[in-house]
PDB file of N, CA and C in Angstrom:
ATOM      1  N   UNK A   1     -16.262 -33.002   0.657  1.00  0.00           N
ATOM      2  CA  UNK A   1     -15.472 -31.645   0.540  1.00  0.00           C
ATOM      3  C   UNK A   1     -15.792 -31.087  -0.509  1.00  0.00           C
ATOM      4  N   UNK A   2     -16.335 -30.430  -1.262  1.00  0.00           N
ATOM      5  CA  UNK A   2     -16.381 -30.629  -3.072  1.00  0.00           C
ATOM      6  C   UNK A   2     -15.419 -28.907  -3.514  1.00  0.00           C
ATOM      7  N   UNK A   3     -14.754 -29.740  -4.599  1.00  0.00           N
ATOM      8  CA  UNK A   3     -13.817 -28.922  -5.812  1.00  0.00           C
ATOM      9  C   UNK A   3     -14.240 -27.243  -5.773  1.00  0.00           C
ATOM     10  N   UNK A   4     -13.472 -26.256  -5.346  1.00  0.00           N
ATOM     11  CA  UNK A   4     -14.439 -24.786  -5.418  1.00  0.00           C
ATOM     12  C   UNK A   4     -14.307 -24.547  -7.066  1.00  0.00           C
ATOM     13  N   UNK A   5     -13.680 -25.440  -8.020  1.00  0.00           N
ATOM     14  CA  UNK A   5     -13.338 -25.318  -9.463  1.00  0.00           C
ATOM     15  C   UNK A   5     -14.241 -25.821 -10.212  1.00  0.00           C
ATOM     16  N   UNK A   6     -14.841 -27.284  -9.811  1.00  0.00           N
ATOM     17  CA  UNK A   6     -15.991 -28.281 -10.898  1.00  0.00           C
ATOM     18  C   UNK A   6     -16.645 -28.834 -10.163  1.00  0.00           C
ATOM     19  N   UNK A   7     -16.873 -28.237  -8.912  1.00  0.00           N
ATOM     20  CA  UNK A   7     -17.358 -28.817  -8.050  1.00  0.00           C
ATOM     21  C   UNK A   7     -17.677 -30.152  -7.546  1.00  0.00           C
ATOM     22  N   UNK A   8     -16.594 -30.649  -8.326  1.00  0.00           N
ATOM     23  CA  UNK A   8     -16.394 -32.738  -7.663  1.00  0.00           C
ATOM     24  C   UNK A   8     -16.707 -32.973  -6.726  1.00  0.00           C
ATOM     25  N   UNK A   9     -17.301 -33.963  -5.811  1.00  0.00           N
ATOM     26  CA  UNK A   9     -16.539 -34.190  -4.557  1.00  0.00           C
ATOM     27  C   UNK A   9     -15.774 -35.383  -4.820  1.00  0.00           C
ATOM     28  N   UNK A  10     -14.970 -34.236  -3.165  1.00  0.00           N
ATOM     29  CA  UNK A  10     -13.899 -34.858  -2.730  1.00  0.00           C
ATOM     30  C   UNK A  10     -13.674 -35.699  -1.522  1.00  0.00           C
ATOM     31  N   UNK A  11     -12.647 -36.357  -1.721  1.00  0.00           N
ATOM     32  CA  UNK A  11     -12.522 -36.500   0.193  1.00  0.00           C
ATOM     33  C   UNK A  11     -11.480 -36.229   0.498  1.00  0.00           C
ATOM     34  N   UNK A  12     -12.096 -35.439   1.942  1.00  0.00           N
ATOM     35  CA  UNK A  12     -11.581 -34.569   2.959  1.00  0.00           C
ATOM     36  C   UNK A  12     -10.066 -34.298   2.903  1.00  0.00           C
ATOM     37  N   UNK A  13      -9.488 -35.531   2.901  1.00  0.00           N
ATOM     38  CA  UNK A  13      -8.287 -34.953   2.672  1.00  0.00           C
ATOM     39  C   UNK A  13      -7.109 -35.299   1.247  1.00  0.00           C
ATOM     40  N   UNK A  14      -8.268 -35.324   0.471  1.00  0.00           N
ATOM     41  CA  UNK A  14      -7.354 -34.974  -0.596  1.00  0.00           C
ATOM     42  C   UNK A  14      -6.493 -33.395  -1.415  1.00  0.00           C
ATOM     43  N   UNK A  15      -6.010 -33.740  -1.671  1.00  0.00           N
ATOM     44  CA  UNK A  15      -4.588 -32.673  -2.397  1.00  0.00           C
ATOM     45  C   UNK A  15      -4.837 -32.219  -3.838  1.00  0.00           C
ATOM     46  N   UNK A  16      -5.385 -33.151  -4.911  1.00  0.00           N
ATOM     47  CA  UNK A  16      -5.750 -32.676  -6.092  1.00  0.00           C
ATOM     48  C   UNK A  16      -7.406 -32.768  -6.680  1.00  0.00           C
ATOM     49  N   UNK A  17      -8.086 -32.533  -7.628  1.00  0.00           N
ATOM     50  CA  UNK A  17      -8.777 -32.729  -8.145  1.00  0.00           C
ATOM     51  C   UNK A  17      -8.320 -33.486  -9.450  1.00  0.00           C
ATOM     52  N   UNK A  18      -9.278 -34.680  -9.594  1.00  0.00           N
ATOM     53  CA  UNK A  18      -8.828 -35.596 -10.271  1.00  0.00           C
ATOM     54  C   UNK A  18      -9.291 -35.087 -11.784  1.00  0.00           C
ATOM     55  N   UNK A  19     -10.458 -34.129 -11.896  1.00  0.00           N
ATOM     56  CA  UNK A  19     -11.386 -34.223 -12.980  1.00  0.00           C
ATOM     57  C   UNK A  19     -10.689 -33.037 -13.789  1.00  0.00           C
ATOM     58  N   UNK A  20     -10.674 -31.904 -12.615  1.00  0.00           N
ATOM     59  CA  UNK A  20     -10.258 -30.746 -13.244  1.00  0.00           C
ATOM     60  C   UNK A  20      -8.636 -30.476 -13.085  1.00  0.00           C
ATOM     61  N   UNK A  21      -8.145 -30.584 -12.297  1.00  0.00           N
ATOM     62  CA  UNK A  21      -6.726 -30.418 -12.135  1.00  0.00           C
ATOM     63  C   UNK A  21      -5.890 -29.630 -11.290  1.00  0.00           C
ATOM     64  N   UNK A  22      -7.399 -29.156 -10.303  1.00  0.00           N
ATOM     65  CA  UNK A  22      -6.586 -28.282  -9.430  1.00  0.00           C
ATOM     66  C   UNK A  22      -6.302 -28.608  -8.187  1.00  0.00           C
ATOM     67  N   UNK A  23      -5.223 -28.407  -7.100  1.00  0.00           N
ATOM     68  CA  UNK A  23      -4.568 -28.611  -6.205  1.00  0.00           C
ATOM     69  C   UNK A  23      -4.990 -27.389  -4.894  1.00  0.00           C
ATOM     70  N   UNK A  24      -4.297 -28.491  -3.824  1.00  0.00           N
ATOM     71  CA  UNK A  24      -4.469 -27.983  -2.536  1.00  0.00           C
ATOM     72  C   UNK A  24      -2.598 -27.004  -2.271  1.00  0.00           C
ATOM     73  N   UNK A  25      -3.073 -26.107  -2.079  1.00  0.00           N
ATOM     74  CA  UNK A  25      -1.437 -25.347  -1.254  1.00  0.00           C
ATOM     75  C   UNK A  25      -1.729 -25.151  -0.147  1.00  0.00           C
ATOM     76  N   UNK A  26      -0.871 -24.633   0.477  1.00  0.00           N
ATOM     77  CA  UNK A  26      -0.908 -24.372   1.605  1.00  0.00           C
ATOM     78  C   UNK A  26      -0.114 -22.502   1.648  1.00  0.00           C
ATOM     79  N   UNK A  27      -0.230 -21.739   2.244  1.00  0.00           N
ATOM     80  CA  UNK A  27       0.137 -20.334   1.574  1.00  0.00           C
ATOM     81  C   UNK A  27      -0.002 -19.366   3.296  1.00  0.00           C
ATOM     82  N   UNK A  28       0.942 -18.808   3.432  1.00  0.00           N
ATOM     83  CA  UNK A  28       0.606 -17.787   4.666  1.00  0.00           C
ATOM     84  C   UNK A  28       0.327 -16.649   4.784  1.00  0.00           C
ATOM     85  N   UNK A  29      -0.546 -16.074   5.072  1.00  0.00           N
ATOM     86  CA  UNK A  29      -1.338 -13.966   4.764  1.00  0.00           C
ATOM     87  C   UNK A  29       0.178 -13.321   4.562  1.00  0.00           C
ATOM     88  N   UNK A  30       0.166 -12.252   3.598  1.00  0.00           N
ATOM     89  CA  UNK A  30       1.035 -11.212   3.852  1.00  0.00           C
ATOM     90  C   UNK A  30       1.670 -10.830   5.415  1.00  0.00           C
ATOM     91  N   UNK A  31       0.443 -10.769   6.104  1.00  0.00           N
ATOM     92  CA  UNK A  31       1.091 -10.357   7.299  1.00  0.00           C
ATOM     93  C   UNK A  31       1.567 -10.947   8.125  1.00  0.00           C
ATOM     94  N   UNK A  32       1.814 -12.231   7.705  1.00  0.00           N
ATOM     95  CA  UNK A  32       2.064 -13.646   8.079  1.00  0.00           C
ATOM     96  C   UNK A  32       3.397 -13.593   8.026  1.00  0.00           C
ATOM     97  N   UNK A  33       3.746 -13.370   6.723  1.00  0.00           N
ATOM     98  CA  UNK A  33       5.149 -12.869   6.432  1.00  0.00           C
ATOM     99  C   UNK A  33       5.798 -11.965   7.131  1.00  0.00           C
ATOM    100  N   UNK A  34       5.379 -11.087   7.302  1.00  0.00           N
ATOM    101  CA  UNK A  34       5.911  -9.590   7.818  1.00  0.00           C
ATOM    102  C   UNK A  34       5.917  -9.773   9.007  1.00  0.00           C
ATOM    103  N   UNK A  35       4.916 -10.386  10.013  1.00  0.00           N
ATOM    104  CA  UNK A  35       5.148 -10.977  11.087  1.00  0.00           C
ATOM    105  C   UNK A  35       6.196 -11.763  11.412  1.00  0.00           C
ATOM    106  N   UNK A  36       6.469 -12.740  10.949  1.00  0.00           N
ATOM    107  CA  UNK A  36       7.913 -13.909  10.580  1.00  0.00           C
ATOM    108  C   UNK A  36       9.175 -13.012  10.430  1.00  0.00           C
ATOM    109  N   UNK A  37       8.580 -12.213   9.615  1.00  0.00           N
ATOM    110  CA  UNK A  37      10.094 -11.663   9.291  1.00  0.00           C
ATOM    111  C   UNK A  37      10.562 -10.345  10.651  1.00  0.00           C
ATOM    112  N   UNK A  38       9.810  -9.962  11.171  1.00  0.00           N
ATOM    113  CA  UNK A  38       9.703  -8.995  12.613  1.00  0.00           C
ATOM    114  C   UNK A  38      10.239 -10.125  13.677  1.00  0.00           C
ATOM    115  N   UNK A  39       9.897 -11.358  13.417  1.00  0.00           N
ATOM    116  CA  UNK A  39      10.414 -12.101  14.705  1.00  0.00           C
ATOM    117  C   UNK A  39      11.402 -12.290  14.571  1.00  0.00           C
ATOM    118  N   UNK A  40      12.024 -12.725  13.274  1.00  0.00           N
ATOM    119  CA  UNK A  40      13.642 -13.122  13.360  1.00  0.00           C
ATOM    120  C   UNK A  40      13.934 -12.079  13.452  1.00  0.00           C
ATOM    121  N   UNK A  41      13.643 -10.740  13.157  1.00  0.00           N
ATOM    122  CA  UNK A  41      14.387  -9.596  13.561  1.00  0.00           C
ATOM    123  C   UNK A  41      14.946  -9.911  14.811  1.00  0.00           C
ATOM    124  N   UNK A  42      13.855  -9.699  15.342  1.00  0.00           N
ATOM    125  CA  UNK A  42      14.474  -9.675  17.102  1.00  0.00           C
ATOM    126  C   UNK A  42      14.923 -10.644  17.407  1.00  0.00           C
ATOM    127  N   UNK A  43      14.132 -11.937  17.502  1.00  0.00           N
ATOM    128  CA  UNK A  43      15.110 -13.259  17.039  1.00  0.00           C
ATOM    129  C   UNK A  43      16.993 -12.970  17.631  1.00  0.00           C
ATOM    130  N   UNK A  44      17.383 -12.482  16.444  1.00  0.00           N
ATOM    131  CA  UNK A  44      19.008 -11.660  16.045  1.00  0.00           C
ATOM    132  C   UNK A  44      19.165 -10.898  17.275  1.00  0.00           C
ATOM    133  N   UNK A  45      18.564  -9.390  17.084  1.00  0.00           N
ATOM    134  CA  UNK A  45      18.580  -8.839  17.904  1.00  0.00           C
ATOM    135  C   UNK A  45      19.192  -9.259  19.446  1.00  0.00           C
ATOM    136  N   UNK A  46      18.055 -10.672  20.204  1.00  0.00           N
ATOM    137  CA  UNK A  46      18.347 -11.281  21.189  1.00  0.00           C
ATOM    138  C   UNK A  46      19.531 -12.228  21.564  1.00  0.00           C
ATOM    139  N   UNK A  47      19.534 -12.532  20.251  1.00  0.00           N
ATOM    140  CA  UNK A  47      21.097 -13.325  20.095  1.00  0.00           C
ATOM    141  C   UNK A  47      22.267 -12.501  20.832  1.00  0.00           C
ATOM    142  N   UNK A  48      22.366 -11.490  20.024  1.00  0.00           N
ATOM    143  CA  UNK A  48      23.529 -10.308  19.724  1.00  0.00           C
ATOM    144  C   UNK A  48      23.359  -9.602  20.991  1.00  0.00           C
ATOM    145  N   UNK A  49      22.034  -9.843  21.667  1.00  0.00           N
ATOM    146  CA  UNK A  49      22.643  -8.978  23.428  1.00  0.00           C
ATOM    147  C   UNK A  49      23.035 -10.074  24.333  1.00  0.00           C
ATOM    148  N   UNK A  50      22.323 -11.169  23.678  1.00  0.00           N
ATOM    149  CA  UNK A  50      22.422 -12.324  24.909  1.00  0.00           C
ATOM    150  C   UNK A  50      23.747 -12.994  24.944  1.00  0.00           C
ATOM    151  N   UNK A  51      24.434 -13.343  23.877  1.00  0.00           N
ATOM    152  CA  UNK A  51      25.706 -14.015  23.873  1.00  0.00           C
ATOM    153  C   UNK A  51      26.763 -13.270  24.621  1.00  0.00           C
ATOM    154  N   UNK A  52      26.642 -12.099  24.278  1.00  0.00           N
ATOM    155  CA  UNK A  52      27.932 -11.424  25.204  1.00  0.00           C
ATOM    156  C   UNK A  52      27.629 -11.158  26.638  1.00  0.00           C
ATOM    157  N   UNK A  53      26.341 -11.572  27.198  1.00  0.00           N
ATOM    158  CA  UNK A  53      26.613 -11.947  28.531  1.00  0.00           C
ATOM    159  C   UNK A  53      26.858 -13.354  28.700  1.00  0.00           C
ATOM    160  N   UNK A  54      26.971 -14.232  27.896  1.00  0.00           N
ATOM    161  CA  UNK A  54      27.657 -14.802  28.646  1.00  0.00           C
ATOM    162  C   UNK A  54      29.133 -14.740  29.039  1.00  0.00           C
ATOM    163  N   UNK A  55      29.730 -13.625  28.737  1.00  0.00           N
ATOM    164  CA  UNK A  55      31.431 -13.850  28.303  1.00  0.00           C
ATOM    165  C   UNK A  55      31.752 -12.197  29.625  1.00  0.00           C
ATOM    166  N   UNK A  56      30.231 -11.436  29.492  1.00  0.00           N
ATOM    167  CA  UNK A  56      31.283  -9.895  30.262  1.00  0.00           C
ATOM    168  C   UNK A  56      31.498 -10.706  32.092  1.00  0.00           C
ATOM    169  N   UNK A  57      31.074 -11.156  32.488  1.00  0.00           N
ATOM    170  CA  UNK A  57      31.779 -11.672  33.112  1.00  0.00           C
ATOM    171  C   UNK A  57      33.021 -12.131  34.127  1.00  0.00           C
ATOM    172  N   UNK A  58      33.254 -12.982  32.604  1.00  0.00           N
ATOM    173  CA  UNK A  58      34.718 -13.481  32.687  1.00  0.00           C
ATOM    174  C   UNK A  58      35.790 -12.233  32.474  1.00  0.00           C
ATOM    175  N   UNK A  59      34.980 -11.546  31.681  1.00  0.00           N
ATOM    176  CA  UNK A  59      36.001 -10.759  31.449  1.00  0.00           C
ATOM    177  C   UNK A  59      36.271  -9.000  32.320  1.00  0.00           C
ATOM    178  N   UNK A  60      35.583  -9.254  33.227  1.00  0.00           N
ATOM    179  CA  UNK A  60      35.364  -8.335  34.561  1.00  0.00           C
ATOM    180  C   UNK A  60      34.691  -6.645  34.254  1.00  0.00           C
ATOM    181  N   UNK A  61      33.779  -7.031  33.462  1.00  0.00           N
ATOM    182  CA  UNK A  61      32.836  -6.064  32.782  1.00  0.00           C
ATOM    183  C   UNK A  61      31.781  -5.678  33.864  1.00  0.00           C
ATOM    184  N   UNK A  62      31.361  -5.274  34.474  1.00  0.00           N
ATOM    185  CA  UNK A  62      30.131  -4.672  34.905  1.00  0.00           C
ATOM    186  C   UNK A  62      28.756  -5.056  34.555  1.00  0.00           C
ATOM    187  N   UNK A  63      27.897  -5.907  35.185  1.00  0.00           N
ATOM    188  CA  UNK A  63      26.663  -5.925  34.211  1.00  0.00           C
ATOM    189  C   UNK A  63      25.250  -4.973  34.688  1.00  0.00           C
ATOM    190  N   UNK A  64      26.056  -4.293  35.455  1.00  0.00           N
ATOM    191  CA  UNK A  64      25.102  -2.801  36.114  1.00  0.00           C
ATOM    192  C   UNK A  64      24.163  -2.553  35.019  1.00  0.00           C
ATOM    193  N   UNK A  65      24.971  -2.072  33.337  1.00  0.00           N
ATOM    194  CA  UNK A  65      23.999  -0.908  32.572  1.00  0.00           C
ATOM    195  C   UNK A  65      23.790  -1.676  31.654  1.00  0.00           C
ATOM    196  N   UNK A  66      24.158  -2.730  31.920  1.00  0.00           N
ATOM    197  CA  UNK A  66      22.896  -3.796  30.731  1.00  0.00           C
ATOM    198  C   UNK A  66      22.103  -3.882  30.437  1.00  0.00           C
ATOM    199  N   UNK A  67      21.661  -3.698  29.290  1.00  0.00           N
ATOM    200  CA  UNK A  67      20.135  -3.853  29.081  1.00  0.00           C
ATOM    201  C   UNK A  67      19.426  -4.696  28.926  1.00  0.00           C
ATOM    202  N   UNK A  68      18.894  -4.783  30.629  1.00  0.00           N
ATOM    203  CA  UNK A  68      17.660  -5.970  30.756  1.00  0.00           C
ATOM    204  C   UNK A  68      16.446  -6.431  30.309  1.00  0.00           C
ATOM    205  N   UNK A  69      16.116  -5.157  30.078  1.00  0.00           N
ATOM    206  CA  UNK A  69      14.594  -5.069  29.800  1.00  0.00           C
ATOM    207  C   UNK A  69      14.452  -5.300  28.205  1.00  0.00           C
ATOM    208  N   UNK A  70      15.583  -5.108  27.487  1.00  0.00           N
ATOM    209  CA  UNK A  70      15.339  -5.355  25.999  1.00  0.00           C
ATOM    210  C   UNK A  70      15.651  -7.140  26.058  1.00  0.00           C
ATOM    211  N   UNK A  71      16.364  -7.661  26.812  1.00  0.00           N
ATOM    212  CA  UNK A  71      16.818  -8.840  27.004  1.00  0.00           C
ATOM    213  C   UNK A  71      15.578  -9.713  27.610  1.00  0.00           C
ATOM    214  N   UNK A  72      14.953  -8.837  28.234  1.00  0.00           N
ATOM    215  CA  UNK A  72      13.710 -10.012  28.119  1.00  0.00           C
ATOM    216  C   UNK A  72      12.295 -10.063  27.563  1.00  0.00           C
ATOM    217  N   UNK A  73      11.888  -8.279  27.026  1.00  0.00           N
ATOM    218  CA  UNK A  73      10.842  -8.213  26.051  1.00  0.00           C
ATOM    219  C   UNK A  73      11.353  -8.942  24.748  1.00  0.00           C
ATOM    220  N   UNK A  74      12.876  -9.017  24.502  1.00  0.00           N
ATOM    221  CA  UNK A  74      12.803 -10.077  23.298  1.00  0.00           C
ATOM    222  C   UNK A  74      12.979 -11.472  23.564  1.00  0.00           C
ATOM    223  N   UNK A  75      13.355 -12.282  24.769  1.00  0.00           N
ATOM    224  CA  UNK A  75      12.978 -12.916  24.918  1.00  0.00           C
ATOM    225  C   UNK A  75      11.098 -13.462  24.761  1.00  0.00           C
ATOM    226  N   UNK A  76      10.722 -12.824  25.051  1.00  0.00           N
ATOM    227  CA  UNK A  76       9.064 -12.870  25.162  1.00  0.00           C
ATOM    228  C   UNK A  76       8.346 -12.436  23.703  1.00  0.00           C
ATOM    229  N   UNK A  77       8.964 -11.385  23.077  1.00  0.00           N
ATOM    230  CA  UNK A  77       8.118 -10.467  21.985  1.00  0.00           C
ATOM    231  C   UNK A  77       8.984 -11.654  20.748  1.00  0.00           C
ATOM    232  N   UNK A  78       9.469 -12.237  20.955  1.00  0.00           N
ATOM    233  CA  UNK A  78       9.787 -13.060  19.497  1.00  0.00           C
ATOM    234  C   UNK A  78       9.368 -14.067  19.094  1.00  0.00           C
ATOM    235  N   UNK A  79       9.193 -15.269  20.201  1.00  0.00           N
ATOM    236  CA  UNK A  79       8.527 -16.016  19.963  1.00  0.00           C
ATOM    237  C   UNK A  79       6.963 -16.116  20.121  1.00  0.00           C
ATOM    238  N   UNK A  80       6.942 -14.784  20.052  1.00  0.00           N
ATOM    239  CA  UNK A  80       5.138 -14.766  20.035  1.00  0.00           C
ATOM    240  C   UNK A  80       5.017 -14.151  18.501  1.00  0.00           C
ATOM    241  N   UNK A  81       5.727 -13.366  18.231  1.00  0.00           N
ATOM    242  CA  UNK A  81       5.835 -13.600  16.796  1.00  0.00           C
ATOM    243  C   UNK A  81       5.786 -14.189  15.496  1.00  0.00           C
ATOM    244  N   UNK A  82       7.034 -14.873  15.790  1.00  0.00           N
ATOM    245  CA  UNK A  82       7.040 -16.436  15.008  1.00  0.00           C
ATOM    246  C   UNK A  82       5.882 -17.453  14.935  1.00  0.00           C
ATOM    247  N   UNK A  83       5.081 -17.672  16.298  1.00  0.00           N
ATOM    248  CA  UNK A  83       4.507 -18.651  16.649  1.00  0.00           C
ATOM    249  C   UNK A  83       2.583 -17.629  15.622  1.00  0.00           C
ATOM    250  N   UNK A  84       2.683 -16.515  15.924  1.00  0.00           N
ATOM    251  CA  UNK A  84       1.743 -15.921  15.575  1.00  0.00           C
ATOM    252  C   UNK A  84       1.748 -16.103  13.736  1.00  0.00           C
ATOM    253  N   UNK A  85       2.650 -16.148  13.321  1.00  0.00           N
ATOM    254  CA  UNK A  85       3.269 -15.918  11.866  1.00  0.00           C
ATOM    255  C   UNK A  85       2.943 -17.190  11.505  1.00  0.00           C
ATOM    256  N   UNK A  86       3.540 -18.224  12.308  1.00  0.00           N
ATOM    257  CA  UNK A  86       2.892 -19.722  11.718  1.00  0.00           C
ATOM    258  C   UNK A  86       1.359 -20.397  11.730  1.00  0.00           C
ATOM    259  N   UNK A  87       0.605 -19.103  12.603  1.00  0.00           N
ATOM    260  CA  UNK A  87      -0.817 -19.934  12.661  1.00  0.00           C
ATOM    261  C   UNK A  87      -1.542 -19.296  11.751  1.00  0.00           C
ATOM    262  N   UNK A  88      -0.895 -17.812  10.976  1.00  0.00           N
ATOM    263  CA  UNK A  88      -1.302 -17.575   9.411  1.00  0.00           C
ATOM    264  C   UNK A  88      -1.393 -18.239   8.393  1.00  0.00           C
ATOM    265  N   UNK A  89      -0.931 -19.627   8.432  1.00  0.00           N
ATOM    266  CA  UNK A  89      -0.910 -20.490   6.747  1.00  0.00           C
ATOM    267  C   UNK A  89      -2.846 -20.800   6.905  1.00  0.00           C
ATOM    268  N   UNK A  90      -2.649 -20.810   5.628  1.00  0.00           N
ATOM    269  CA  UNK A  90      -4.204 -21.263   5.827  1.00  0.00           C
ATOM    270  C   UNK A  90      -4.386 -22.198   3.787  1.00  0.00           C
ATOM    271  N   UNK A  91      -4.963 -22.995   4.073  1.00  0.00           N
ATOM    272  CA  UNK A  91      -5.153 -24.049   2.933  1.00  0.00           C
ATOM    273  C   UNK A  91      -5.755 -23.257   1.511  1.00  0.00           C
ATOM    274  N   UNK A  92      -5.423 -23.267   0.425  1.00  0.00           N
ATOM    275  CA  UNK A  92      -6.150 -22.680  -1.374  1.00  0.00           C
ATOM    276  C   UNK A  92      -5.902 -23.785  -2.500  1.00  0.00           C
ATOM    277  N   UNK A  93      -7.470 -23.313  -2.676  1.00  0.00           N
ATOM    278  CA  UNK A  93      -7.483 -24.507  -4.418  1.00  0.00           C
ATOM    279  C   UNK A  93      -7.063 -23.399  -4.672  1.00  0.00           C
ATOM    280  N   UNK A  94      -5.535 -24.151  -6.098  1.00  0.00           N
ATOM    281  CA  UNK A  94      -5.449 -23.286  -6.936  1.00  0.00           C
ATOM    282  C   UNK A  94      -5.922 -24.119  -8.273  1.00  0.00           C
ATOM    283  N   UNK A  95      -6.695 -23.278  -9.441  1.00  0.00           N
ATOM    284  CA  UNK A  95      -6.672 -23.977 -10.655  1.00  0.00           C
ATOM    285  C   UNK A  95      -5.296 -24.565 -11.222  1.00  0.00           C
ATOM    286  N   UNK A  96      -5.515 -25.466 -12.450  1.00  0.00           N
ATOM    287  CA  UNK A  96      -4.054 -26.319 -13.205  1.00  0.00           C
ATOM    288  C   UNK A  96      -3.113 -25.065 -13.748  1.00  0.00           C
ATOM    289  N   UNK A  97      -4.187 -23.864 -13.884  1.00  0.00           N
ATOM    290  CA  UNK A  97      -2.961 -22.869 -14.896  1.00  0.00           C
ATOM    291  C   UNK A  97      -2.530 -22.089 -13.780  1.00  0.00           C
ATOM    292  N   UNK A  98      -2.821 -21.626 -12.915  1.00  0.00           N
ATOM    293  CA  UNK A  98      -2.291 -21.070 -11.896  1.00  0.00           C
ATOM    294  C   UNK A  98      -0.926 -21.395 -11.188  1.00  0.00           C
TER     295      UNK A  98
END
């Protein structure tokens, strides 16, 4: 592997270039950050729907009108979005001045 700034040969697991001072950072894409925030929002909404579900039967409230579709969709969608957000991490070499 070569440094993208000075073309010095680097070890495959190198995090910095000894010659020019460039270093490797891991960043998420803009889409990955946005999808992560949407996933967290859906997870919070899902939790807000799930927690009352535990107490409603004890309070004598019928579960017939409960939004089951939103609960099931949120259970599938939130982990999928968070997994996609995590998968958008990529390595980037930046110079000493950046």
